[in-house]
């Protein structure tokens, strides 16, 4: 299993999100007691309903890696 330790969303301040920007969140995973930090588009996070303190399967983790092309 893969544990989602933390999801950090970007802060664009009062200017808001720049046009044509893909919003990515920094996600900290724990795999075999080691942290792995990835920048993942918010749309991917939302589509899989990922949240902090959640366990996901290795299969789902690999699917996410494929979607973000790592």
PDB file of N, CA and C in Angstrom:
ATOM      1  N   UNK A   1       0.830  -1.189   0.000  1.00  0.00           N
ATOM      2  CA  UNK A   1       0.000   0.000   0.000  1.00  0.00           C
ATOM      3  C   UNK A   1       0.873   1.251   0.000  1.00  0.00           C
ATOM      4  N   UNK A   2       0.282   2.320  -0.507  1.00  0.00           N
ATOM      5  CA  UNK A   2       0.945   3.617  -0.585  1.00  0.00           C
ATOM      6  C   UNK A   2       0.117   4.602   0.249  1.00  0.00           C
ATOM      7  N   UNK A   3       0.784   5.335   1.121  1.00  0.00           N
ATOM      8  CA  UNK A   3       0.113   6.269   2.020  1.00  0.00           C
ATOM      9  C   UNK A   3       0.308   7.698   1.525  1.00  0.00           C
ATOM     10  N   UNK A   4      -0.781   8.467   1.466  1.00  0.00           N
ATOM     11  CA  UNK A   4      -0.710   9.880   1.102  1.00  0.00           C
ATOM     12  C   UNK A   4      -0.592  10.674   2.395  1.00  0.00           C
ATOM     13  N   UNK A   5       0.590  11.202   2.633  1.00  0.00           N
ATOM     14  CA  UNK A   5       0.875  11.911   3.876  1.00  0.00           C
ATOM     15  C   UNK A   5       0.373  13.352   3.835  1.00  0.00           C
ATOM     16  N   UNK A   6       0.578  14.009   2.689  1.00  0.00           N
ATOM     17  CA  UNK A   6       0.274  15.441   2.633  1.00  0.00           C
ATOM     18  C   UNK A   6      -0.007  15.872   1.195  1.00  0.00           C
ATOM     19  N   UNK A   7      -0.921  16.838   1.045  1.00  0.00           N
ATOM     20  CA  UNK A   7      -1.194  17.461  -0.253  1.00  0.00           C
ATOM     21  C   UNK A   7      -1.110  18.970  -0.052  1.00  0.00           C
ATOM     22  N   UNK A   8      -0.163  19.600  -0.733  1.00  0.00           N
ATOM     23  CA  UNK A   8       0.020  21.047  -0.636  1.00  0.00           C
ATOM     24  C   UNK A   8      -0.466  21.705  -1.928  1.00  0.00           C
ATOM     25  N   UNK A   9      -1.417  22.608  -1.783  1.00  0.00           N
ATOM     26  CA  UNK A   9      -1.951  23.337  -2.932  1.00  0.00           C
ATOM     27  C   UNK A   9      -1.177  24.635  -3.114  1.00  0.00           C
ATOM     28  N   UNK A  10      -1.000  25.073  -4.368  1.00  0.00           N
ATOM     29  CA  UNK A  10      -0.271  26.320  -4.602  1.00  0.00           C
ATOM     30  C   UNK A  10      -1.086  27.529  -4.151  1.00  0.00           C
ATOM     31  N   UNK A  11      -0.379  28.598  -3.807  1.00  0.00           N
ATOM     32  CA  UNK A  11      -1.028  29.846  -3.413  1.00  0.00           C
ATOM     33  C   UNK A  11      -0.679  30.903  -4.454  1.00  0.00           C
ATOM     34  N   UNK A  12      -1.683  31.323  -5.210  1.00  0.00           N
ATOM     35  CA  UNK A  12      -1.456  32.304  -6.263  1.00  0.00           C
ATOM     36  C   UNK A  12      -1.717  33.727  -5.790  1.00  0.00           C
ATOM     37  N   UNK A  13      -2.014  33.883  -4.513  1.00  0.00           N
ATOM     38  CA  UNK A  13      -2.242  35.214  -3.960  1.00  0.00           C
ATOM     39  C   UNK A  13      -3.440  35.901  -4.582  1.00  0.00           C
ATOM     40  N   UNK A  14      -3.479  37.209  -4.466  1.00  0.00           N
ATOM     41  CA  UNK A  14      -4.641  37.956  -4.948  1.00  0.00           C
ATOM     42  C   UNK A  14      -4.663  38.065  -6.473  1.00  0.00           C
ATOM     43  N   UNK A  15      -3.544  37.744  -7.144  1.00  0.00           N
ATOM     44  CA  UNK A  15      -3.523  37.818  -8.606  1.00  0.00           C
ATOM     45  C   UNK A  15      -4.322  36.678  -9.237  1.00  0.00           C
ATOM     46  N   UNK A  16      -4.500  35.611  -8.530  1.00  0.00           N
ATOM     47  CA  UNK A  16      -5.228  34.462  -9.058  1.00  0.00           C
ATOM     48  C   UNK A  16      -4.343  33.609  -9.953  1.00  0.00           C
ATOM     49  N   UNK A  17      -4.932  32.583 -10.505  1.00  0.00           N
ATOM     50  CA  UNK A  17      -4.205  31.636 -11.347  1.00  0.00           C
ATOM     51  C   UNK A  17      -3.910  32.291 -12.699  1.00  0.00           C
ATOM     52  N   UNK A  18      -2.654  32.282 -13.140  1.00  0.00           N
ATOM     53  CA  UNK A  18      -2.337  32.818 -14.466  1.00  0.00           C
ATOM     54  C   UNK A  18      -3.069  32.034 -15.559  1.00  0.00           C
ATOM     55  N   UNK A  19      -3.410  32.723 -16.637  1.00  0.00           N
ATOM     56  CA  UNK A  19      -4.100  32.078 -17.754  1.00  0.00           C
ATOM     57  C   UNK A  19      -3.280  30.911 -18.292  1.00  0.00           C
ATOM     58  N   UNK A  20      -3.980  29.894 -18.760  1.00  0.00           N
ATOM     59  CA  UNK A  20      -3.379  28.711 -19.386  1.00  0.00           C
ATOM     60  C   UNK A  20      -2.372  27.990 -18.490  1.00  0.00           C
ATOM     61  N   UNK A  21      -2.614  28.025 -17.196  1.00  0.00           N
ATOM     62  CA  UNK A  21      -1.740  27.352 -16.238  1.00  0.00           C
ATOM     63  C   UNK A  21      -2.397  26.069 -15.751  1.00  0.00           C
ATOM     64  N   UNK A  22      -1.654  24.977 -15.801  1.00  0.00           N
ATOM     65  CA  UNK A  22      -2.130  23.726 -15.227  1.00  0.00           C
ATOM     66  C   UNK A  22      -1.784  23.780 -13.741  1.00  0.00           C
ATOM     67  N   UNK A  23      -2.793  23.729 -12.899  1.00  0.00           N
ATOM     68  CA  UNK A  23      -2.576  23.806 -11.457  1.00  0.00           C
ATOM     69  C   UNK A  23      -2.128  22.436 -10.965  1.00  0.00           C
ATOM     70  N   UNK A  24      -0.984  22.418 -10.285  1.00  0.00           N
ATOM     71  CA  UNK A  24      -0.484  21.171  -9.723  1.00  0.00           C
ATOM     72  C   UNK A  24      -0.326  21.314  -8.215  1.00  0.00           C
ATOM     73  N   UNK A  25      -0.585  20.239  -7.523  1.00  0.00           N
ATOM     74  CA  UNK A  25      -0.396  20.174  -6.084  1.00  0.00           C
ATOM     75  C   UNK A  25       0.830  19.316  -5.806  1.00  0.00           C
ATOM     76  N   UNK A  26       1.528  19.620  -4.740  1.00  0.00           N
ATOM     77  CA  UNK A  26       2.676  18.820  -4.318  1.00  0.00           C
ATOM     78  C   UNK A  26       2.159  17.761  -3.347  1.00  0.00           C
ATOM     79  N   UNK A  27       2.314  16.502  -3.724  1.00  0.00           N
ATOM     80  CA  UNK A  27       1.784  15.392  -2.942  1.00  0.00           C
ATOM     81  C   UNK A  27       2.937  14.580  -2.361  1.00  0.00           C
ATOM     82  N   UNK A  28       2.880  14.365  -1.052  1.00  0.00           N
ATOM     83  CA  UNK A  28       3.893  13.565  -0.369  1.00  0.00           C
ATOM     84  C   UNK A  28       3.322  12.181  -0.101  1.00  0.00           C
ATOM     85  N   UNK A  29       3.935  11.184  -0.732  1.00  0.00           N
ATOM     86  CA  UNK A  29       3.560   9.788  -0.536  1.00  0.00           C
ATOM     87  C   UNK A  29       4.579   9.135   0.384  1.00  0.00           C
ATOM     88  N   UNK A  30       4.159   8.107   1.113  1.00  0.00           N
ATOM     89  CA  UNK A  30       5.083   7.285   1.883  1.00  0.00           C
ATOM     90  C   UNK A  30       4.962   5.869   1.336  1.00  0.00           C
ATOM     91  N   UNK A  31       6.110   5.386   0.841  1.00  0.00           N
ATOM     92  CA  UNK A  31       6.175   4.050   0.250  1.00  0.00           C
ATOM     93  C   UNK A  31       7.339   3.327   0.911  1.00  0.00           C
ATOM     94  N   UNK A  32       7.060   2.225   1.555  1.00  0.00           N
ATOM     95  CA  UNK A  32       8.108   1.452   2.259  1.00  0.00           C
ATOM     96  C   UNK A  32       8.920   2.347   3.193  1.00  0.00           C
ATOM     97  N   UNK A  33       8.223   3.170   3.962  1.00  0.00           N
ATOM     98  CA  UNK A  33       8.826   4.071   4.951  1.00  0.00           C
ATOM     99  C   UNK A  33       9.706   5.165   4.355  1.00  0.00           C
ATOM    100  N   UNK A  34       9.603   5.399   3.040  1.00  0.00           N
ATOM    101  CA  UNK A  34      10.340   6.476   2.392  1.00  0.00           C
ATOM    102  C   UNK A  34       9.366   7.442   1.743  1.00  0.00           C
ATOM    103  N   UNK A  35       9.661   8.738   1.878  1.00  0.00           N
ATOM    104  CA  UNK A  35       8.796   9.752   1.277  1.00  0.00           C
ATOM    105  C   UNK A  35       9.147   9.964  -0.189  1.00  0.00           C
ATOM    106  N   UNK A  36       8.109  10.119  -0.981  1.00  0.00           N
ATOM    107  CA  UNK A  36       8.236  10.431  -2.408  1.00  0.00           C
ATOM    108  C   UNK A  36       7.346  11.635  -2.655  1.00  0.00           C
ATOM    109  N   UNK A  37       7.907  12.744  -3.152  1.00  0.00           N
ATOM    110  CA  UNK A  37       7.135  13.959  -3.390  1.00  0.00           C
ATOM    111  C   UNK A  37       6.974  14.148  -4.893  1.00  0.00           C
ATOM    112  N   UNK A  38       5.711  14.298  -5.323  1.00  0.00           N
ATOM    113  CA  UNK A  38       5.411  14.477  -6.733  1.00  0.00           C
ATOM    114  C   UNK A  38       4.504  15.677  -6.923  1.00  0.00           C
ATOM    115  N   UNK A  39       4.678  16.375  -8.046  1.00  0.00           N
ATOM    116  CA  UNK A  39       3.754  17.427  -8.445  1.00  0.00           C
ATOM    117  C   UNK A  39       2.727  16.804  -9.369  1.00  0.00           C
ATOM    118  N   UNK A  40       1.462  16.847  -8.945  1.00  0.00           N
ATOM    119  CA  UNK A  40       0.383  16.168  -9.662  1.00  0.00           C
ATOM    120  C   UNK A  40      -0.697  17.188  -9.999  1.00  0.00           C
ATOM    121  N   UNK A  41      -1.163  17.208 -11.258  1.00  0.00           N
ATOM    122  CA  UNK A  41      -2.250  18.130 -11.609  1.00  0.00           C
ATOM    123  C   UNK A  41      -3.473  17.905 -10.722  1.00  0.00           C
ATOM    124  N   UNK A  42      -4.089  19.022 -10.304  1.00  0.00           N
ATOM    125  CA  UNK A  42      -5.272  18.920  -9.436  1.00  0.00           C
ATOM    126  C   UNK A  42      -6.371  18.071 -10.059  1.00  0.00           C
ATOM    127  N   UNK A  43      -6.528  18.132 -11.376  1.00  0.00           N
ATOM    128  CA  UNK A  43      -7.580  17.348 -12.031  1.00  0.00           C
ATOM    129  C   UNK A  43      -7.377  15.855 -11.805  1.00  0.00           C
ATOM    130  N   UNK A  44      -6.119  15.418 -11.765  1.00  0.00           N
ATOM    131  CA  UNK A  44      -5.821  14.003 -11.500  1.00  0.00           C
ATOM    132  C   UNK A  44      -6.166  13.673 -10.050  1.00  0.00           C
ATOM    133  N   UNK A  45      -5.791  14.559  -9.134  1.00  0.00           N
ATOM    134  CA  UNK A  45      -6.094  14.350  -7.715  1.00  0.00           C
ATOM    135  C   UNK A  45      -7.594  14.247  -7.497  1.00  0.00           C
ATOM    136  N   UNK A  46      -8.330  15.160  -8.118  1.00  0.00           N
ATOM    137  CA  UNK A  46      -9.791  15.154  -7.966  1.00  0.00           C
ATOM    138  C   UNK A  46     -10.415  13.924  -8.617  1.00  0.00           C
ATOM    139  N   UNK A  47      -9.920  13.521  -9.789  1.00  0.00           N
ATOM    140  CA  UNK A  47     -10.540  12.395 -10.491  1.00  0.00           C
ATOM    141  C   UNK A  47     -10.411  11.089  -9.707  1.00  0.00           C
ATOM    142  N   UNK A  48      -9.327  10.939  -8.934  1.00  0.00           N
ATOM    143  CA  UNK A  48      -9.146   9.740  -8.115  1.00  0.00           C
ATOM    144  C   UNK A  48      -9.582   9.953  -6.670  1.00  0.00           C
ATOM    145  N   UNK A  49     -10.109  11.157  -6.366  1.00  0.00           N
ATOM    146  CA  UNK A  49     -10.585  11.495  -5.021  1.00  0.00           C
ATOM    147  C   UNK A  49      -9.504  11.243  -3.966  1.00  0.00           C
ATOM    148  N   UNK A  50      -8.282  11.688  -4.279  1.00  0.00           N
ATOM    149  CA  UNK A  50      -7.167  11.512  -3.357  1.00  0.00           C
ATOM    150  C   UNK A  50      -7.260  12.526  -2.234  1.00  0.00           C
ATOM    151  N   UNK A  51      -6.852  12.122  -1.047  1.00  0.00           N
ATOM    152  CA  UNK A  51      -6.891  13.009   0.111  1.00  0.00           C
ATOM    153  C   UNK A  51      -5.756  12.640   1.062  1.00  0.00           C
ATOM    154  N   UNK A  52      -5.419  13.573   1.937  1.00  0.00           N
ATOM    155  CA  UNK A  52      -4.385  13.318   2.939  1.00  0.00           C
ATOM    156  C   UNK A  52      -4.821  12.187   3.868  1.00  0.00           C
ATOM    157  N   UNK A  53      -3.832  11.480   4.400  1.00  0.00           N
ATOM    158  CA  UNK A  53      -4.049  10.368   5.340  1.00  0.00           C
ATOM    159  C   UNK A  53      -4.860   9.237   4.722  1.00  0.00           C
ATOM    160  N   UNK A  54      -4.663   9.030   3.448  1.00  0.00           N
ATOM    161  CA  UNK A  54      -5.390   8.007   2.702  1.00  0.00           C
ATOM    162  C   UNK A  54      -4.396   6.968   2.192  1.00  0.00           C
ATOM    163  N   UNK A  55      -4.790   5.709   2.200  1.00  0.00           N
ATOM    164  CA  UNK A  55      -3.979   4.655   1.602  1.00  0.00           C
ATOM    165  C   UNK A  55      -4.553   4.315   0.238  1.00  0.00           C
ATOM    166  N   UNK A  56      -3.651   4.142  -0.735  1.00  0.00           N
ATOM    167  CA  UNK A  56      -4.071   3.720  -2.066  1.00  0.00           C
ATOM    168  C   UNK A  56      -3.253   2.488  -2.451  1.00  0.00           C
ATOM    169  N   UNK A  57      -3.726   1.783  -3.426  1.00  0.00           N
ATOM    170  CA  UNK A  57      -3.011   0.583  -3.873  1.00  0.00           C
ATOM    171  C   UNK A  57      -1.798   0.977  -4.708  1.00  0.00           C
ATOM    172  N   UNK A  58      -0.850   0.072  -4.780  1.00  0.00           N
ATOM    173  CA  UNK A  58       0.322   0.286  -5.636  1.00  0.00           C
ATOM    174  C   UNK A  58      -0.120   0.408  -7.087  1.00  0.00           C
ATOM    175  N   UNK A  59      -1.164  -0.311  -7.452  1.00  0.00           N
ATOM    176  CA  UNK A  59      -1.696  -0.246  -8.815  1.00  0.00           C
ATOM    177  C   UNK A  59      -2.187   1.167  -9.145  1.00  0.00           C
ATOM    178  N   UNK A  60      -2.935   1.773  -8.228  1.00  0.00           N
ATOM    179  CA  UNK A  60      -3.418   3.138  -8.448  1.00  0.00           C
ATOM    180  C   UNK A  60      -2.249   4.117  -8.490  1.00  0.00           C
ATOM    181  N   UNK A  61      -1.282   3.952  -7.616  1.00  0.00           N
ATOM    182  CA  UNK A  61      -0.097   4.812  -7.615  1.00  0.00           C
ATOM    183  C   UNK A  61       0.606   4.737  -8.967  1.00  0.00           C
ATOM    184  N   UNK A  62       0.773   3.539  -9.499  1.00  0.00           N
ATOM    185  CA  UNK A  62       1.418   3.373 -10.802  1.00  0.00           C
ATOM    186  C   UNK A  62       0.596   3.996 -11.921  1.00  0.00           C
ATOM    187  N   UNK A  63      -0.708   3.917 -11.816  1.00  0.00           N
ATOM    188  CA  UNK A  63      -1.582   4.547 -12.808  1.00  0.00           C
ATOM    189  C   UNK A  63      -1.395   6.072 -12.782  1.00  0.00           C
ATOM    190  N   UNK A  64      -1.282   6.631 -11.594  1.00  0.00           N
ATOM    191  CA  UNK A  64      -1.042   8.084 -11.443  1.00  0.00           C
ATOM    192  C   UNK A  64       0.300   8.440 -12.081  1.00  0.00           C
ATOM    193  N   UNK A  65       1.320   7.639 -11.819  1.00  0.00           N
ATOM    194  CA  UNK A  65       2.640   7.897 -12.415  1.00  0.00           C
ATOM    195  C   UNK A  65       2.562   7.895 -13.932  1.00  0.00           C
ATOM    196  N   UNK A  66       1.807   6.977 -14.498  1.00  0.00           N
ATOM    197  CA  UNK A  66       1.642   6.914 -15.952  1.00  0.00           C
ATOM    198  C   UNK A  66       0.972   8.187 -16.470  1.00  0.00           C
ATOM    199  N   UNK A  67      -0.047   8.656 -15.751  1.00  0.00           N
ATOM    200  CA  UNK A  67      -0.775   9.860 -16.190  1.00  0.00           C
ATOM    201  C   UNK A  67       0.088  11.105 -16.157  1.00  0.00           C
ATOM    202  N   UNK A  68       1.017  11.165 -15.204  1.00  0.00           N
ATOM    203  CA  UNK A  68       1.872  12.357 -15.120  1.00  0.00           C
ATOM    204  C   UNK A  68       3.202  12.123 -15.839  1.00  0.00           C
ATOM    205  N   UNK A  69       3.328  10.967 -16.468  1.00  0.00           N
ATOM    206  CA  UNK A  69       4.481  10.638 -17.307  1.00  0.00           C
ATOM    207  C   UNK A  69       5.813  10.611 -16.573  1.00  0.00           C
ATOM    208  N   UNK A  70       5.857   9.896 -15.444  1.00  0.00           N
ATOM    209  CA  UNK A  70       7.128   9.723 -14.718  1.00  0.00           C
ATOM    210  C   UNK A  70       7.666   8.333 -14.933  1.00  0.00           C
TER     211      UNK A  70
END
